[in-house]
Amino acid sequence: MARVVYHLPDGSVQTVDVPAGQSVMDGSVRNNLPGIVAECGGSCSCATCHVYLPGASAALFDPPSDEESELVEFLAGAQPNSRLSCQLIIGGQAEVHVEVVDSSV
């Protein structure tokens, strides 16, 4: 289980314990946090779960797949540290920070 610290679009911060094997997206959706819409339910096809991985958190996950990279490439506001939270699977991480991009707009 990892503590995932969600830095939300409104400036607030929410911390959720996410079990190993679940995604950062799952932790947000299951706790009704704003910003991550997850229209496709985590199948890496809609990009409505866009987040930024600040600093050290980026090194805690495998690099993005080609499929994820292609989706992120066309997102408004994409940055080098942009990821899709459905592809960020919790494993042995203790704490992860993500900056949630408001996908509802």
PDB file of N, CA and C in Angstrom:
ATOM      1  N   MET A   1       0.857  -1.177   0.000  1.00  0.00           N
ATOM      2  CA  MET A   1       0.000   0.000   0.000  1.00  0.00           C
ATOM      3  C   MET A   1       0.896   1.231   0.000  1.00  0.00           C
ATOM      4  N   ALA A   2       0.510   2.211  -0.783  1.00  0.00           N
ATOM      5  CA  ALA A   2       1.269   3.461  -0.856  1.00  0.00           C
ATOM      6  C   ALA A   2       0.369   4.627  -0.486  1.00  0.00           C
ATOM      7  N   ARG A   3       0.970   5.624   0.107  1.00  0.00           N
ATOM      8  CA  ARG A   3       0.262   6.886   0.331  1.00  0.00           C
ATOM      9  C   ARG A   3       0.400   7.686  -0.950  1.00  0.00           C
ATOM     10  N   VAL A   4      -0.731   8.002  -1.570  1.00  0.00           N
ATOM     11  CA  VAL A   4      -0.695   8.845  -2.764  1.00  0.00           C
ATOM     12  C   VAL A   4      -1.228  10.208  -2.360  1.00  0.00           C
ATOM     13  N   VAL A   5      -0.396  11.209  -2.583  1.00  0.00           N
ATOM     14  CA  VAL A   5      -0.744  12.583  -2.235  1.00  0.00           C
ATOM     15  C   VAL A   5      -1.166  13.278  -3.525  1.00  0.00           C
ATOM     16  N   TYR A   6      -2.456  13.602  -3.594  1.00  0.00           N
ATOM     17  CA  TYR A   6      -3.032  14.243  -4.766  1.00  0.00           C
ATOM     18  C   TYR A   6      -3.063  15.750  -4.533  1.00  0.00           C
ATOM     19  N   HIS A   7      -2.343  16.494  -5.363  1.00  0.00           N
ATOM     20  CA  HIS A   7      -2.374  17.959  -5.342  1.00  0.00           C
ATOM     21  C   HIS A   7      -3.441  18.343  -6.368  1.00  0.00           C
ATOM     22  N   LEU A   8      -4.599  18.751  -5.879  1.00  0.00           N
ATOM     23  CA  LEU A   8      -5.788  18.930  -6.718  1.00  0.00           C
ATOM     24  C   LEU A   8      -5.813  20.281  -7.424  1.00  0.00           C
ATOM     25  N   PRO A   9      -6.610  20.376  -8.507  1.00  0.00           N
ATOM     26  CA  PRO A   9      -6.659  21.613  -9.298  1.00  0.00           C
ATOM     27  C   PRO A   9      -7.059  22.853  -8.508  1.00  0.00           C
ATOM     28  N   ASP A  10      -7.840  22.681  -7.428  1.00  0.00           N
ATOM     29  CA  ASP A  10      -8.268  23.840  -6.635  1.00  0.00           C
ATOM     30  C   ASP A  10      -7.233  24.269  -5.595  1.00  0.00           C
ATOM     31  N   GLY A  11      -6.068  23.600  -5.591  1.00  0.00           N
ATOM     32  CA  GLY A  11      -5.004  23.954  -4.669  1.00  0.00           C
ATOM     33  C   GLY A  11      -5.002  23.145  -3.385  1.00  0.00           C
ATOM     34  N   SER A  12      -6.046  22.356  -3.159  1.00  0.00           N
ATOM     35  CA  SER A  12      -6.088  21.523  -1.956  1.00  0.00           C
ATOM     36  C   SER A  12      -5.258  20.252  -2.162  1.00  0.00           C
ATOM     37  N   VAL A  13      -5.018  19.561  -1.069  1.00  0.00           N
ATOM     38  CA  VAL A  13      -4.238  18.324  -1.094  1.00  0.00           C
ATOM     39  C   VAL A  13      -5.041  17.238  -0.386  1.00  0.00           C
ATOM     40  N   GLN A  14      -5.124  16.067  -0.995  1.00  0.00           N
ATOM     41  CA  GLN A  14      -5.788  14.909  -0.395  1.00  0.00           C
ATOM     42  C   GLN A  14      -4.829  13.733  -0.428  1.00  0.00           C
ATOM     43  N   THR A  15      -4.783  12.988   0.647  1.00  0.00           N
ATOM     44  CA  THR A  15      -3.923  11.807   0.731  1.00  0.00           C
ATOM     45  C   THR A  15      -4.797  10.567   0.822  1.00  0.00           C
ATOM     46  N   VAL A  16      -4.475   9.566   0.000  1.00  0.00           N
ATOM     47  CA  VAL A  16      -5.247   8.327  -0.059  1.00  0.00           C
ATOM     48  C   VAL A  16      -4.271   7.156  -0.008  1.00  0.00           C
ATOM     49  N   ASP A  17      -4.601   6.132   0.769  1.00  0.00           N
ATOM     50  CA  ASP A  17      -3.835   4.890   0.754  1.00  0.00           C
ATOM     51  C   ASP A  17      -4.340   4.042  -0.402  1.00  0.00           C
ATOM     52  N   VAL A  18      -3.449   3.735  -1.338  1.00  0.00           N
ATOM     53  CA  VAL A  18      -3.819   2.967  -2.531  1.00  0.00           C
ATOM     54  C   VAL A  18      -3.111   1.616  -2.464  1.00  0.00           C
ATOM     55  N   PRO A  19      -3.869   0.517  -2.530  1.00  0.00           N
ATOM     56  CA  PRO A  19      -3.261  -0.815  -2.459  1.00  0.00           C
ATOM     57  C   PRO A  19      -2.378  -1.130  -3.664  1.00  0.00           C
ATOM     58  N   ALA A  20      -1.383  -1.970  -3.446  1.00  0.00           N
ATOM     59  CA  ALA A  20      -0.525  -2.443  -4.531  1.00  0.00           C
ATOM     60  C   ALA A  20      -1.393  -3.124  -5.584  1.00  0.00           C
ATOM     61  N   GLY A  21      -1.058  -2.875  -6.839  1.00  0.00           N
ATOM     62  CA  GLY A  21      -1.802  -3.449  -7.952  1.00  0.00           C
ATOM     63  C   GLY A  21      -2.874  -2.528  -8.500  1.00  0.00           C
ATOM     64  N   GLN A  22      -3.233  -1.498  -7.749  1.00  0.00           N
ATOM     65  CA  GLN A  22      -4.192  -0.512  -8.250  1.00  0.00           C
ATOM     66  C   GLN A  22      -3.441   0.684  -8.805  1.00  0.00           C
ATOM     67  N   SER A  23      -4.134   1.458  -9.615  1.00  0.00           N
ATOM     68  CA  SER A  23      -3.498   2.626 -10.229  1.00  0.00           C
ATOM     69  C   SER A  23      -3.750   3.884  -9.407  1.00  0.00           C
ATOM     70  N   VAL A  24      -2.957   4.896  -9.694  1.00  0.00           N
ATOM     71  CA  VAL A  24      -3.160   6.213  -9.097  1.00  0.00           C
ATOM     72  C   VAL A  24      -4.554   6.725  -9.468  1.00  0.00           C
ATOM     73  N   MET A  25      -5.012   6.420 -10.684  1.00  0.00           N
ATOM     74  CA  MET A  25      -6.363   6.787 -11.105  1.00  0.00           C
ATOM     75  C   MET A  25      -7.406   6.120 -10.224  1.00  0.00           C
ATOM     76  N   ASP A  26      -7.249   4.829  -9.938  1.00  0.00           N
ATOM     77  CA  ASP A  26      -8.193   4.114  -9.082  1.00  0.00           C
ATOM     78  C   ASP A  26      -8.333   4.793  -7.725  1.00  0.00           C
ATOM     79  N   GLY A  27      -7.215   5.175  -7.139  1.00  0.00           N
ATOM     80  CA  GLY A  27      -7.255   5.827  -5.833  1.00  0.00           C
ATOM     81  C   GLY A  27      -8.058   7.101  -5.854  1.00  0.00           C
ATOM     82  N   SER A  28      -7.942   7.864  -6.924  1.00  0.00           N
ATOM     83  CA  SER A  28      -8.690   9.109  -7.051  1.00  0.00           C
ATOM     84  C   SER A  28     -10.173   8.850  -7.269  1.00  0.00           C
ATOM     85  N   VAL A  29     -10.495   7.999  -8.229  1.00  0.00           N
ATOM     86  CA  VAL A  29     -11.888   7.743  -8.586  1.00  0.00           C
ATOM     87  C   VAL A  29     -12.645   7.101  -7.423  1.00  0.00           C
ATOM     88  N   ARG A  30     -12.027   6.148  -6.748  1.00  0.00           N
ATOM     89  CA  ARG A  30     -12.698   5.444  -5.648  1.00  0.00           C
ATOM     90  C   ARG A  30     -12.940   6.347  -4.443  1.00  0.00           C
ATOM     91  N   ASN A  31     -12.249   7.475  -4.408  1.00  0.00           N
ATOM     92  CA  ASN A  31     -12.416   8.412  -3.301  1.00  0.00           C
ATOM     93  C   ASN A  31     -13.075   9.718  -3.733  1.00  0.00           C
ATOM     94  N   ASN A  32     -13.622   9.711  -4.947  1.00  0.00           N
ATOM     95  CA  ASN A  32     -14.377  10.862  -5.477  1.00  0.00           C
ATOM     96  C   ASN A  32     -13.592  12.168  -5.445  1.00  0.00           C
ATOM     97  N   LEU A  33     -12.315  12.097  -5.769  1.00  0.00           N
ATOM     98  CA  LEU A  33     -11.510  13.318  -5.822  1.00  0.00           C
ATOM     99  C   LEU A  33     -11.750  14.020  -7.155  1.00  0.00           C
ATOM    100  N   PRO A  34     -11.758  15.346  -7.161  1.00  0.00           N
ATOM    101  CA  PRO A  34     -12.008  16.075  -8.408  1.00  0.00           C
ATOM    102  C   PRO A  34     -10.784  16.078  -9.325  1.00  0.00           C
ATOM    103  N   GLY A  35     -11.042  16.236 -10.623  1.00  0.00           N
ATOM    104  CA  GLY A  35      -9.970  16.433 -11.591  1.00  0.00           C
ATOM    105  C   GLY A  35      -9.726  15.252 -12.494  1.00  0.00           C
ATOM    106  N   ILE A  36      -9.674  14.044 -11.944  1.00  0.00           N
ATOM    107  CA  ILE A  36      -9.454  12.855 -12.761  1.00  0.00           C
ATOM    108  C   ILE A  36     -10.816  12.290 -13.138  1.00  0.00           C
ATOM    109  N   VAL A  37     -11.168  12.411 -14.429  1.00  0.00           N
ATOM    110  CA  VAL A  37     -12.479  11.990 -14.910  1.00  0.00           C
ATOM    111  C   VAL A  37     -12.496  10.495 -15.229  1.00  0.00           C
ATOM    112  N   ALA A  38     -11.449  10.013 -15.882  1.00  0.00           N
ATOM    113  CA  ALA A  38     -11.299   8.580 -16.199  1.00  0.00           C
ATOM    114  C   ALA A  38     -12.463   8.035 -17.026  1.00  0.00           C
ATOM    115  N   GLU A  39     -12.773   8.696 -18.111  1.00  0.00           N
ATOM    116  CA  GLU A  39     -13.898   8.291 -18.969  1.00  0.00           C
ATOM    117  C   GLU A  39     -13.791   6.854 -19.466  1.00  0.00           C
ATOM    118  N   CYS A  40     -12.589   6.388 -19.777  1.00  0.00           N
ATOM    119  CA  CYS A  40     -12.431   5.042 -20.333  1.00  0.00           C
ATOM    120  C   CYS A  40     -12.274   3.976 -19.251  1.00  0.00           C
ATOM    121  N   GLY A  41     -12.251   4.383 -17.997  1.00  0.00           N
ATOM    122  CA  GLY A  41     -12.147   3.414 -16.907  1.00  0.00           C
ATOM    123  C   GLY A  41     -10.766   2.832 -16.707  1.00  0.00           C
ATOM    124  N   GLY A  42      -9.779   3.437 -17.318  1.00  0.00           N
ATOM    125  CA  GLY A  42      -8.408   2.987 -17.104  1.00  0.00           C
ATOM    126  C   GLY A  42      -7.815   2.151 -18.214  1.00  0.00           C
ATOM    127  N   SER A  43      -8.385   2.227 -19.401  1.00  0.00           N
ATOM    128  CA  SER A  43      -7.880   1.414 -20.511  1.00  0.00           C
ATOM    129  C   SER A  43      -6.893   2.153 -21.413  1.00  0.00           C
ATOM    130  N   CYS A  44      -6.409   3.296 -20.972  1.00  0.00           N
ATOM    131  CA  CYS A  44      -5.410   4.074 -21.714  1.00  0.00           C
ATOM    132  C   CYS A  44      -5.914   4.448 -23.107  1.00  0.00           C
ATOM    133  N   SER A  45      -7.144   5.000 -23.144  1.00  0.00           N
ATOM    134  CA  SER A  45      -7.673   5.384 -24.452  1.00  0.00           C
ATOM    135  C   SER A  45      -8.318   6.765 -24.488  1.00  0.00           C
ATOM    136  N   CYS A  46      -8.397   7.474 -23.344  1.00  0.00           N
ATOM    137  CA  CYS A  46      -9.095   8.764 -23.384  1.00  0.00           C
ATOM    138  C   CYS A  46      -8.257   9.938 -22.873  1.00  0.00           C
ATOM    139  N   ALA A  47      -7.278   9.688 -22.048  1.00  0.00           N
ATOM    140  CA  ALA A  47      -6.387  10.721 -21.498  1.00  0.00           C
ATOM    141  C   ALA A  47      -7.084  11.713 -20.570  1.00  0.00           C
ATOM    142  N   THR A  48      -8.216  11.308 -19.967  1.00  0.00           N
ATOM    143  CA  THR A  48      -8.886  12.187 -19.004  1.00  0.00           C
ATOM    144  C   THR A  48      -8.429  11.903 -17.572  1.00  0.00           C
ATOM    145  N   CYS A  49      -7.261  11.313 -17.447  1.00  0.00           N
ATOM    146  CA  CYS A  49      -6.668  11.067 -16.127  1.00  0.00           C
ATOM    147  C   CYS A  49      -5.247  11.636 -16.080  1.00  0.00           C
ATOM    148  N   HIS A  50      -5.048  12.700 -16.822  1.00  0.00           N
ATOM    149  CA  HIS A  50      -3.746  13.362 -16.959  1.00  0.00           C
ATOM    150  C   HIS A  50      -3.268  13.915 -15.618  1.00  0.00           C
ATOM    151  N   VAL A  51      -2.029  13.600 -15.270  1.00  0.00           N
ATOM    152  CA  VAL A  51      -1.389  14.156 -14.072  1.00  0.00           C
ATOM    153  C   VAL A  51       0.046  14.537 -14.406  1.00  0.00           C
ATOM    154  N   TYR A  52       0.617  15.354 -13.539  1.00  0.00           N
ATOM    155  CA  TYR A  52       2.051  15.643 -13.605  1.00  0.00           C
ATOM    156  C   TYR A  52       2.708  14.911 -12.447  1.00  0.00           C
ATOM    157  N   LEU A  53       3.843  14.296 -12.724  1.00  0.00           N
ATOM    158  CA  LEU A  53       4.626  13.641 -11.673  1.00  0.00           C
ATOM    159  C   LEU A  53       5.792  14.544 -11.302  1.00  0.00           C
ATOM    160  N   PRO A  54       5.728  15.169 -10.137  1.00  0.00           N
ATOM    161  CA  PRO A  54       6.811  16.068  -9.746  1.00  0.00           C
ATOM    162  C   PRO A  54       8.049  15.308  -9.280  1.00  0.00           C
ATOM    163  N   GLY A  55       9.197  15.861  -9.611  1.00  0.00           N
ATOM    164  CA  GLY A  55      10.491  15.410  -9.098  1.00  0.00           C
ATOM    165  C   GLY A  55      10.678  13.921  -8.924  1.00  0.00           C
ATOM    166  N   ALA A  56      10.902  13.529  -7.670  1.00  0.00           N
ATOM    167  CA  ALA A  56      11.264  12.159  -7.341  1.00  0.00           C
ATOM    168  C   ALA A  56      10.156  11.158  -7.649  1.00  0.00           C
ATOM    169  N   SER A  57       8.913  11.585  -7.691  1.00  0.00           N
ATOM    170  CA  SER A  57       7.817  10.644  -7.958  1.00  0.00           C
ATOM    171  C   SER A  57       7.915  10.039  -9.355  1.00  0.00           C
ATOM    172  N   ALA A  58       8.476  10.765 -10.304  1.00  0.00           N
ATOM    173  CA  ALA A  58       8.595  10.251 -11.667  1.00  0.00           C
ATOM    174  C   ALA A  58       9.457   8.994 -11.722  1.00  0.00           C
ATOM    175  N   ALA A  59      10.474   8.929 -10.888  1.00  0.00           N
ATOM    176  CA  ALA A  59      11.387   7.788 -10.881  1.00  0.00           C
ATOM    177  C   ALA A  59      10.773   6.551 -10.230  1.00  0.00           C
ATOM    178  N   LEU A  60       9.614   6.678  -9.612  1.00  0.00           N
ATOM    179  CA  LEU A  60       8.989   5.558  -8.909  1.00  0.00           C
ATOM    180  C   LEU A  60       8.196   4.640  -9.825  1.00  0.00           C
ATOM    181  N   PHE A  61       8.057   5.015 -11.097  1.00  0.00           N
ATOM    182  CA  PHE A  61       7.246   4.242 -12.035  1.00  0.00           C
ATOM    183  C   PHE A  61       8.047   3.901 -13.277  1.00  0.00           C
ATOM    184  N   ASP A  62       7.617   2.862 -13.973  1.00  0.00           N
ATOM    185  CA  ASP A  62       8.219   2.510 -15.253  1.00  0.00           C
ATOM    186  C   ASP A  62       7.979   3.644 -16.244  1.00  0.00           C
ATOM    187  N   PRO A  63       8.819   3.755 -17.260  1.00  0.00           N
ATOM    188  CA  PRO A  63       8.594   4.770 -18.292  1.00  0.00           C
ATOM    189  C   PRO A  63       7.259   4.528 -19.000  1.00  0.00           C
ATOM    190  N   PRO A  64       6.687   5.574 -19.608  1.00  0.00           N
ATOM    191  CA  PRO A  64       5.409   5.394 -20.311  1.00  0.00           C
ATOM    192  C   PRO A  64       5.554   4.478 -21.524  1.00  0.00           C
ATOM    193  N   SER A  65       4.473   3.748 -21.813  1.00  0.00           N
ATOM    194  CA  SER A  65       4.431   2.919 -23.023  1.00  0.00           C
ATOM    195  C   SER A  65       4.300   3.831 -24.232  1.00  0.00           C
ATOM    196  N   ASP A  66       4.510   3.279 -25.410  1.00  0.00           N
ATOM    197  CA  ASP A  66       4.335   4.052 -26.639  1.00  0.00           C
ATOM    198  C   ASP A  66       2.899   4.558 -26.744  1.00  0.00           C
ATOM    199  N   GLU A  67       1.941   3.716 -26.376  1.00  0.00           N
ATOM    200  CA  GLU A  67       0.524   4.098 -26.439  1.00  0.00           C
ATOM    201  C   GLU A  67       0.244   5.300 -25.534  1.00  0.00           C
ATOM    202  N   GLU A  68       0.752   5.250 -24.307  1.00  0.00           N
ATOM    203  CA  GLU A  68       0.552   6.365 -23.388  1.00  0.00           C
ATOM    204  C   GLU A  68       1.233   7.624 -23.915  1.00  0.00           C
ATOM    205  N   SER A  69       2.448   7.494 -24.393  1.00  0.00           N
ATOM    206  CA  SER A  69       3.189   8.653 -24.905  1.00  0.00           C
ATOM    207  C   SER A  69       2.463   9.323 -26.056  1.00  0.00           C
ATOM    208  N   GLU A  70       1.859   8.531 -26.938  1.00  0.00           N
ATOM    209  CA  GLU A  70       1.120   9.096 -28.066  1.00  0.00           C
ATOM    210  C   GLU A  70      -0.102   9.881 -27.603  1.00  0.00           C
ATOM    211  N   LEU A  71      -0.817   9.373 -26.608  1.00  0.00           N
ATOM    212  CA  LEU A  71      -1.976  10.093 -26.084  1.00  0.00           C
ATOM    213  C   LEU A  71      -1.553  11.391 -25.409  1.00  0.00           C
ATOM    214  N   VAL A  72      -0.507  11.336 -24.615  1.00  0.00           N
ATOM    215  CA  VAL A  72      -0.034  12.520 -23.877  1.00  0.00           C
ATOM    216  C   VAL A  72       0.471  13.588 -24.837  1.00  0.00           C
ATOM    217  N   GLU A  73       1.083  13.166 -25.919  1.00  0.00           N
ATOM    218  CA  GLU A  73       1.659  14.099 -26.890  1.00  0.00           C
ATOM    219  C   GLU A  73       0.651  15.129 -27.391  1.00  0.00           C
ATOM    220  N   PHE A  74      -0.618  14.754 -27.475  1.00  0.00           N
ATOM    221  CA  PHE A  74      -1.632  15.638 -28.037  1.00  0.00           C
ATOM    222  C   PHE A  74      -2.489  16.339 -26.985  1.00  0.00           C
ATOM    223  N   LEU A  75      -2.136  16.200 -25.723  1.00  0.00           N
ATOM    224  CA  LEU A  75      -2.891  16.859 -24.660  1.00  0.00           C
ATOM    225  C   LEU A  75      -2.533  18.330 -24.548  1.00  0.00           C
ATOM    226  N   ALA A  76      -3.530  19.164 -24.354  1.00  0.00           N
ATOM    227  CA  ALA A  76      -3.264  20.571 -24.047  1.00  0.00           C
ATOM    228  C   ALA A  76      -2.617  20.622 -22.671  1.00  0.00           C
ATOM    229  N   GLY A  77      -1.560  21.378 -22.556  1.00  0.00           N
ATOM    230  CA  GLY A  77      -0.882  21.506 -21.271  1.00  0.00           C
ATOM    231  C   GLY A  77       0.079  20.384 -20.950  1.00  0.00           C
ATOM    232  N   ALA A  78       0.378  19.527 -21.905  1.00  0.00           N
ATOM    233  CA  ALA A  78       1.317  18.436 -21.659  1.00  0.00           C
ATOM    234  C   ALA A  78       2.705  18.988 -21.353  1.00  0.00           C
ATOM    235  N   GLN A  79       3.366  18.356 -20.413  1.00  0.00           N
ATOM    236  CA  GLN A  79       4.721  18.720 -20.006  1.00  0.00           C
ATOM    237  C   GLN A  79       5.588  17.470 -20.038  1.00  0.00           C
ATOM    238  N   PRO A  80       6.898  17.620 -19.924  1.00  0.00           N
ATOM    239  CA  PRO A  80       7.757  16.432 -19.922  1.00  0.00           C
ATOM    240  C   PRO A  80       7.416  15.429 -18.808  1.00  0.00           C
ATOM    241  N   ASN A  81       6.835  15.914 -17.711  1.00  0.00           N
ATOM    242  CA  ASN A  81       6.495  15.015 -16.601  1.00  0.00           C
ATOM    243  C   ASN A  81       5.014  14.616 -16.619  1.00  0.00           C
ATOM    244  N   SER A  82       4.337  14.783 -17.757  1.00  0.00           N
ATOM    245  CA  SER A  82       2.940  14.374 -17.889  1.00  0.00           C
ATOM    246  C   SER A  82       2.838  12.862 -17.976  1.00  0.00           C
ATOM    247  N   ARG A  83       1.852  12.314 -17.267  1.00  0.00           N
ATOM    248  CA  ARG A  83       1.546  10.883 -17.334  1.00  0.00           C
ATOM    249  C   ARG A  83       0.045  10.699 -17.255  1.00  0.00           C
ATOM    250  N   LEU A  84      -0.412   9.525 -17.632  1.00  0.00           N
ATOM    251  CA  LEU A  84      -1.805   9.141 -17.447  1.00  0.00           C
ATOM    252  C   LEU A  84      -1.865   8.322 -16.170  1.00  0.00           C
ATOM    253  N   SER A  85      -2.688   8.756 -15.227  1.00  0.00           N
ATOM    254  CA  SER A  85      -2.692   8.109 -13.916  1.00  0.00           C
ATOM    255  C   SER A  85      -3.201   6.672 -13.962  1.00  0.00           C
ATOM    256  N   CYS A  86      -3.913   6.299 -15.028  1.00  0.00           N
ATOM    257  CA  CYS A  86      -4.354   4.905 -15.166  1.00  0.00           C
ATOM    258  C   CYS A  86      -3.183   3.968 -15.429  1.00  0.00           C
ATOM    259  N   GLN A  87      -2.067   4.511 -15.866  1.00  0.00           N
ATOM    260  CA  GLN A  87      -0.889   3.714 -16.181  1.00  0.00           C
ATOM    261  C   GLN A  87       0.142   3.717 -15.048  1.00  0.00           C
ATOM    262  N   LEU A  88      -0.160   4.416 -13.970  1.00  0.00           N
ATOM    263  CA  LEU A  88       0.746   4.496 -12.824  1.00  0.00           C
ATOM    264  C   LEU A  88       0.275   3.489 -11.785  1.00  0.00           C
ATOM    265  N   ILE A  89       0.850   2.292 -11.840  1.00  0.00           N
ATOM    266  CA  ILE A  89       0.423   1.188 -10.984  1.00  0.00           C
ATOM    267  C   ILE A  89       1.256   1.178  -9.705  1.00  0.00           C
ATOM    268  N   ILE A  90       0.548   1.115  -8.590  1.00  0.00           N
ATOM    269  CA  ILE A  90       1.213   1.103  -7.288  1.00  0.00           C
ATOM    270  C   ILE A  90       1.845  -0.263  -7.064  1.00  0.00           C
ATOM    271  N   GLY A  91       3.092  -0.214  -6.618  1.00  0.00           N
ATOM    272  CA  GLY A  91       3.835  -1.437  -6.297  1.00  0.00           C
ATOM    273  C   GLY A  91       4.444  -1.279  -4.919  1.00  0.00           C
ATOM    274  N   GLY A  92       5.761  -1.123  -4.874  1.00  0.00           N
ATOM    275  CA  GLY A  92       6.459  -1.012  -3.600  1.00  0.00           C
ATOM    276  C   GLY A  92       6.702   0.406  -3.129  1.00  0.00           C
ATOM    277  N   GLN A  93       6.091   1.389  -3.772  1.00  0.00           N
ATOM    278  CA  GLN A  93       6.305   2.782  -3.380  1.00  0.00           C
ATOM    279  C   GLN A  93       5.729   3.033  -1.982  1.00  0.00           C
ATOM    280  N   ALA A  94       6.396   3.882  -1.214  1.00  0.00           N
ATOM    281  CA  ALA A  94       5.882   4.267   0.101  1.00  0.00           C
ATOM    282  C   ALA A  94       4.968   5.476  -0.020  1.00  0.00           C
ATOM    283  N   GLU A  95       5.422   6.483  -0.784  1.00  0.00           N
ATOM    284  CA  GLU A  95       4.636   7.712  -0.955  1.00  0.00           C
ATOM    285  C   GLU A  95       4.866   8.251  -2.354  1.00  0.00           C
ATOM    286  N   VAL A  96       3.782   8.675  -2.977  1.00  0.00           N
ATOM    287  CA  VAL A  96       3.814   9.210  -4.336  1.00  0.00           C
ATOM    288  C   VAL A  96       3.060  10.530  -4.336  1.00  0.00           C
ATOM    289  N   HIS A  97       3.614  11.532  -4.989  1.00  0.00           N
ATOM    290  CA  HIS A  97       2.929  12.813  -5.158  1.00  0.00           C
ATOM    291  C   HIS A  97       2.545  12.963  -6.624  1.00  0.00           C
ATOM    292  N   VAL A  98       1.306  13.404  -6.875  1.00  0.00           N
ATOM    293  CA  VAL A  98       0.856  13.700  -8.230  1.00  0.00           C
ATOM    294  C   VAL A  98       0.130  15.035  -8.225  1.00  0.00           C
ATOM    295  N   GLU A  99       0.349  15.794  -9.282  1.00  0.00           N
ATOM    296  CA  GLU A  99      -0.384  17.040  -9.480  1.00  0.00           C
ATOM    297  C   GLU A  99      -1.483  16.749 -10.498  1.00  0.00           C
ATOM    298  N   VAL A 100      -2.723  16.856 -10.059  1.00  0.00           N
ATOM    299  CA  VAL A 100      -3.864  16.510 -10.898  1.00  0.00           C
ATOM    300  C   VAL A 100      -4.194  17.678 -11.830  1.00  0.00           C
ATOM    301  N   VAL A 101      -4.286  17.364 -13.113  1.00  0.00           N
ATOM    302  CA  VAL A 101      -4.706  18.340 -14.123  1.00  0.00           C
ATOM    303  C   VAL A 101      -6.218  18.200 -14.231  1.00  0.00           C
ATOM    304  N   ASP A 102      -6.940  19.291 -14.224  1.00  0.00           N
ATOM    305  CA  ASP A 102      -8.403  19.220 -14.272  1.00  0.00           C
ATOM    306  C   ASP A 102      -8.864  18.740 -15.632  1.00  0.00           C
ATOM    307  N   SER A 103      -9.274  17.482 -15.699  1.00  0.00           N
ATOM    308  CA  SER A 103      -9.726  16.884 -16.955  1.00  0.00           C
ATOM    309  C   SER A 103     -11.186  17.131 -17.236  1.00  0.00           C
ATOM    310  N   SER A 104     -11.883  17.782 -16.312  1.00  0.00           N
ATOM    311  CA  SER A 104     -13.315  17.987 -16.495  1.00  0.00           C
ATOM    312  C   SER A 104     -13.639  19.197 -17.358  1.00  0.00           C
ATOM    313  N   VAL A 105     -12.619  20.022 -17.681  1.00  0.00           N
ATOM    314  CA  VAL A 105     -12.877  21.219 -18.479  1.00  0.00           C
ATOM    315  C   VAL A 105     -12.655  20.951 -19.953  1.00  0.00           C
TER     316      VAL A 105
END
